[in-house]
Amino acid sequence: MITDELRLLPARAAQFIRRHPVPKPGDYAPETRLSVLDVLVHCAPVRGDAFVAFQLLSRRELPGSYLLHVDVVDDALSALDTFAVTEHECEQSFGPNWQDVMRHAVEAAALLHGHFGALTRTRSVVDSRRRLGAWACAREAAWDAGRIKSWYRAQDAAWERHFMDEATVREDEQLCADIATAVRDAAAAHAVSDLVGRHDFTTAHFETLLDPWRTAAAHLLPRGDYCAAASTVSTNVRGRSG
C-alpha cells in the first residue's frame, strides 16, 4: 500500500526547495509564495500522495506548512529530510484502517482533479438528518476510541478544496458542497470501519456515510473496492457478536 512514489515524496520535495531557494522578503509577489503542500503537489507523480504525505508530516507540526519563508525553510527541510513514510507513521496518523483511508484519499484526488464533471450528481446530503446522525455517531466512536485526531486527519487527506478548479466549483456550489461532503464522509467511514457495532455506530451509519461517494463515483472506480469495504465491516461485526 505504501508505494515507492509516496516513500520518495518528502525527499523530492526537499530537493525541489533546494533547487528553488525561498526568496527574501521583498523579492517576490505574495501570490507566488509556496507552501510545503504546494511543493508536495508539484513533486508528486500521484496527486493524492501529496495530500496523504502532508497529513503525515503535519502530525510532526511541519514548519512552514502554510507558506515557506526564510525563517522556517531550514526547519522545513530538516523535517522533510528526516521523515520516513512507514506503516507505523501511517497508522499513527490515520488509525488502524490507514490503508483504506489512504486508498480513498488517492482515488478521490484523482477523480476530483481529472473527472470532476463526470461524477454522478447526488441529491443534497449536506443537511440530511440521516447523514448528520451517522456522522455524529462516527465521531463519537472515534472519540471514545481515542482516535478523534486521526479521524479528522483522514478527512483532511481526502478533500483539499484549495486545489480544486475554482472556476468549475463556482458553476454549482451545491454540487461542490455535496461532493465535498461525500468525499469527507467516505473518509470518515473508512477511518472507523473497525468500530462498527461499538459506541452506537452501526452498519447502517457506515453505509449512510459511504453511499453518496459510492454513488457519485460508481462508474469511475472499481466496484470491488467498496464491496470489499462492506465485506470487511460485516466480518468485523459478526466476529464481535459471535
Protein backbone atom coordinates (compact mmCIF):
# COMPACT_ATOMS: atom_id res chain seq x y z
CA MET A 1 0.00 0.00 0.00
CA ILE A 2 2.92 2.37 0.66
CA THR A 3 4.26 2.93 -2.85
CA ASP A 4 7.77 3.93 -3.79
CA GLU A 5 6.37 7.24 -5.06
CA LEU A 6 4.97 8.03 -1.62
CA ARG A 7 8.13 6.95 0.19
CA LEU A 8 10.28 9.19 -2.00
CA LEU A 9 7.97 12.20 -1.99
CA PRO A 10 9.38 14.03 1.10
CA ALA A 11 12.91 13.76 -0.32
CA ARG A 12 11.74 15.00 -3.72
CA ALA A 13 10.05 17.97 -2.06
CA ALA A 14 13.23 18.82 -0.17
CA GLN A 15 15.25 18.60 -3.37
CA PHE A 16 12.81 20.93 -5.14
CA ILE A 17 13.05 23.53 -2.37
CA ARG A 18 16.86 23.43 -2.51
CA ARG A 19 16.81 23.88 -6.27
CA HIS A 20 14.40 26.80 -5.96
CA PRO A 21 15.52 28.75 -2.88
CA VAL A 22 12.90 30.68 -0.94
CA PRO A 23 13.33 34.37 -1.85
CA LYS A 24 13.95 37.03 0.76
CA PRO A 25 11.10 39.36 1.76
CA GLY A 26 10.52 41.98 -0.90
CA ASP A 27 11.89 39.80 -3.70
CA TYR A 28 8.59 38.12 -4.55
CA ALA A 29 4.94 38.81 -5.17
CA PRO A 30 2.65 37.42 -2.43
CA GLU A 31 0.76 35.22 -4.89
CA THR A 32 3.96 33.43 -5.90
CA ARG A 33 4.82 32.17 -2.42
CA LEU A 34 4.72 28.42 -1.92
CA SER A 35 3.72 26.20 0.97
CA VAL A 36 5.06 22.74 1.69
CA LEU A 37 1.79 21.36 0.38
CA ASP A 38 2.23 23.28 -2.88
CA VAL A 39 5.66 21.73 -3.27
CA LEU A 40 4.38 18.24 -2.46
CA VAL A 41 1.62 18.56 -5.07
CA HIS A 42 4.15 19.75 -7.65
CA CYS A 43 6.54 16.87 -6.94
CA ALA A 44 4.03 14.03 -6.55
CA PRO A 45 3.65 11.71 -9.57
CA VAL A 46 0.40 10.56 -7.92
CA ARG A 47 -1.58 13.64 -6.87
CA GLY A 48 -3.28 12.08 -3.86
CA ASP A 49 0.09 11.11 -2.39
CA ALA A 50 0.77 14.81 -1.79
CA PHE A 51 -2.26 15.19 0.47
CA VAL A 52 -1.50 11.95 2.29
CA ALA A 53 2.13 12.96 2.82
CA PHE A 54 1.13 16.41 4.02
CA GLN A 55 -1.13 14.93 6.69
CA LEU A 56 1.62 12.50 7.74
CA LEU A 57 4.08 15.39 8.04
CA SER A 58 1.57 17.69 9.74
CA ARG A 59 1.41 15.35 12.71
CA ARG A 60 5.01 16.41 13.31
CA GLU A 61 3.98 20.10 13.23
CA LEU A 62 5.78 20.67 9.96
CA PRO A 63 7.39 24.15 9.87
CA GLY A 64 6.20 26.36 7.05
CA SER A 65 3.18 24.19 6.36
CA TYR A 66 1.27 27.22 5.13
CA LEU A 67 3.82 29.49 3.45
CA LEU A 68 7.55 28.92 3.26
CA HIS A 69 9.73 31.87 4.21
CA VAL A 70 13.39 32.27 5.05
CA ASP A 71 12.87 31.92 8.81
CA VAL A 72 11.38 28.43 8.60
CA VAL A 73 12.78 26.91 5.42
CA ASP A 74 15.74 25.21 7.18
CA ASP A 75 13.42 23.58 9.72
CA ALA A 76 11.06 22.51 6.93
CA LEU A 77 13.94 20.97 5.01
CA SER A 78 15.14 19.16 8.13
CA ALA A 79 11.66 17.70 8.63
CA LEU A 80 11.43 16.56 5.01
CA ASP A 81 14.96 15.11 5.05
CA THR A 82 14.43 13.05 8.19
CA PHE A 83 10.84 11.90 7.65
CA ALA A 84 10.25 8.29 6.61
CA VAL A 85 6.88 7.09 5.36
CA THR A 86 6.36 3.85 7.28
CA GLU A 87 3.40 1.71 8.24
CA HIS A 88 3.83 2.93 11.81
CA GLU A 89 3.61 6.58 10.73
CA CYS A 90 0.55 5.84 8.60
CA GLU A 91 -1.21 4.06 11.45
CA GLN A 92 -0.34 6.80 13.92
CA SER A 93 -1.69 9.42 11.52
CA PHE A 94 -4.83 7.72 10.21
CA GLY A 95 -5.57 4.88 12.64
CA PRO A 96 -5.66 1.11 12.13
CA ASN A 97 -7.65 1.42 8.89
CA TRP A 98 -4.95 3.58 7.30
CA GLN A 99 -4.76 1.52 4.12
CA ASP A 100 -8.43 2.14 3.28
CA VAL A 101 -8.12 5.79 4.29
CA MET A 102 -5.10 6.35 2.07
CA ARG A 103 -6.55 4.46 -0.88
CA HIS A 104 -9.69 6.60 -0.70
CA ALA A 105 -7.63 9.81 -0.49
CA VAL A 106 -5.62 8.87 -3.59
CA GLU A 107 -8.72 7.82 -5.55
CA ALA A 108 -10.66 10.94 -4.57
CA ALA A 109 -7.79 13.25 -5.53
CA ALA A 110 -7.54 11.65 -8.97
CA LEU A 111 -11.27 11.91 -9.65
CA LEU A 112 -11.75 15.40 -8.27
CA HIS A 113 -8.84 16.73 -10.30
CA GLY A 114 -9.36 14.85 -13.55
CA HIS A 115 -13.01 13.81 -13.67
CA PHE A 116 -14.99 16.25 -11.54
CA GLY A 117 -17.54 16.85 -14.30
CA ALA A 118 -18.08 13.11 -14.73
CA LEU A 119 -19.06 12.47 -11.11
CA THR A 120 -22.70 11.49 -10.80
CA ARG A 121 -24.84 14.18 -9.22
CA THR A 122 -26.43 13.04 -5.97
CA ARG A 123 -29.25 14.64 -4.06
CA SER A 124 -28.12 17.09 -1.43
CA VAL A 125 -26.72 15.31 1.61
CA VAL A 126 -25.20 18.29 3.41
CA ASP A 127 -28.16 18.89 5.72
CA SER A 128 -29.64 15.41 5.68
CA ARG A 129 -30.78 14.41 9.16
CA ARG A 130 -29.84 10.81 8.49
CA ARG A 131 -26.37 11.84 7.36
CA LEU A 132 -25.81 14.15 10.31
CA GLY A 133 -26.85 11.39 12.71
CA ALA A 134 -24.45 8.91 11.14
CA TRP A 135 -21.63 11.47 11.19
CA ALA A 136 -22.24 12.22 14.87
CA CYS A 137 -22.17 8.52 15.77
CA ALA A 138 -18.96 8.01 13.80
CA ARG A 139 -17.38 10.96 15.57
CA GLU A 140 -18.45 9.64 18.96
CA ALA A 141 -16.97 6.24 18.14
CA ALA A 142 -13.69 7.87 17.10
CA TRP A 143 -13.65 9.99 20.26
CA ASP A 144 -14.37 7.04 22.56
CA ALA A 145 -11.61 5.05 20.88
CA GLY A 146 -9.11 7.88 21.39
CA ARG A 147 -8.82 8.42 17.63
CA ILE A 148 -10.54 11.75 17.06
CA LYS A 149 -7.42 13.41 15.61
CA SER A 150 -6.77 10.60 13.16
CA TRP A 151 -10.47 10.63 12.22
CA TYR A 152 -10.32 14.29 11.20
CA ARG A 153 -6.93 13.83 9.58
CA ALA A 154 -8.36 11.09 7.36
CA GLN A 155 -10.98 13.53 6.11
CA ASP A 156 -8.43 16.27 5.51
CA ALA A 157 -6.30 13.90 3.43
CA ALA A 158 -9.25 13.16 1.14
CA TRP A 159 -10.51 16.69 0.45
CA GLU A 160 -8.26 19.60 -0.48
CA ARG A 161 -10.58 22.31 -1.75
CA HIS A 162 -7.72 24.74 -2.33
CA PHE A 163 -6.53 22.55 -5.18
CA MET A 164 -9.91 22.19 -6.86
CA ASP A 165 -10.65 24.08 -10.08
CA GLU A 166 -12.31 27.18 -8.60
CA ALA A 167 -13.93 28.13 -11.89
CA THR A 168 -15.65 24.75 -12.04
CA VAL A 169 -16.59 24.91 -8.39
CA ARG A 170 -18.29 28.29 -8.76
CA GLU A 171 -20.52 26.94 -11.50
CA ASP A 172 -22.52 24.96 -8.97
CA GLU A 173 -21.80 25.50 -5.28
CA GLN A 174 -24.42 22.95 -4.23
CA LEU A 175 -22.79 20.24 -6.32
CA CYS A 176 -19.42 21.16 -4.83
CA ALA A 177 -20.83 21.06 -1.29
CA ASP A 178 -22.40 17.66 -1.91
CA ILE A 179 -19.22 16.20 -3.42
CA ALA A 180 -17.11 17.64 -0.59
CA THR A 181 -19.43 16.10 1.97
CA ALA A 182 -19.47 12.76 0.14
CA VAL A 183 -15.67 12.61 -0.09
CA ARG A 184 -15.10 13.54 3.55
CA ASP A 185 -17.89 11.29 4.83
CA ALA A 186 -16.44 8.30 2.97
CA ALA A 187 -13.07 9.01 4.59
CA ALA A 188 -14.78 9.32 7.98
CA ALA A 189 -16.47 5.94 7.45
CA HIS A 190 -13.26 4.19 6.40
CA ALA A 191 -11.39 5.62 9.40
CA VAL A 192 -13.74 3.93 11.89
CA SER A 193 -14.88 0.88 9.93
CA ASP A 194 -13.39 -1.39 12.59
CA LEU A 195 -15.60 0.27 15.22
CA VAL A 196 -18.89 -0.68 13.58
CA GLY A 197 -21.01 -2.38 16.22
CA ARG A 198 -19.50 -0.36 19.06
CA HIS A 199 -20.32 3.01 20.61
CA ASP A 200 -23.73 3.07 18.87
CA PHE A 201 -22.01 3.21 15.46
CA THR A 202 -23.87 0.75 13.24
CA THR A 203 -23.50 -0.78 9.81
CA ALA A 204 -26.35 1.48 8.69
CA HIS A 205 -24.37 4.53 9.83
CA PHE A 206 -21.30 3.28 7.94
CA GLU A 207 -23.31 2.75 4.76
CA THR A 208 -25.01 6.15 5.11
CA LEU A 209 -21.62 7.85 5.17
CA LEU A 210 -20.17 5.78 2.33
CA ASP A 211 -23.12 5.63 -0.08
CA PRO A 212 -23.05 9.20 -1.52
CA TRP A 213 -19.43 8.90 -2.69
CA ARG A 214 -20.01 5.34 -3.84
CA THR A 215 -22.93 6.63 -5.93
CA ALA A 216 -21.07 9.66 -7.27
CA ALA A 217 -18.04 7.64 -8.37
CA ALA A 218 -19.68 4.28 -9.12
CA HIS A 219 -18.89 4.33 -12.85
CA LEU A 220 -15.33 5.58 -12.31
CA LEU A 221 -13.97 3.36 -9.54
CA PRO A 222 -13.56 -0.42 -9.31
CA ARG A 223 -16.71 -1.80 -7.74
CA GLY A 224 -14.66 -4.31 -5.79
CA ASP A 225 -13.12 -1.63 -3.58
CA TYR A 226 -16.37 -0.78 -1.88
CA CYS A 227 -17.68 -4.32 -1.89
CA ALA A 228 -14.51 -5.31 -0.04
CA ALA A 229 -15.01 -2.50 2.46
CA ALA A 230 -18.59 -3.57 3.14
CA SER A 231 -17.50 -7.21 3.45
CA THR A 232 -14.81 -6.25 5.96
CA VAL A 233 -17.33 -4.36 8.07
CA SER A 234 -19.75 -7.28 8.03
CA THR A 235 -16.98 -9.69 9.02
CA ASN A 236 -15.89 -7.42 11.89
CA VAL A 237 -19.45 -7.17 13.20
CA ARG A 238 -20.02 -10.92 13.00
CA GLY A 239 -16.72 -11.54 14.76
CA ARG A 240 -17.67 -9.32 17.70
CA SER A 241 -21.15 -10.75 18.00
CA GLY A 242 -20.04 -14.36 17.86
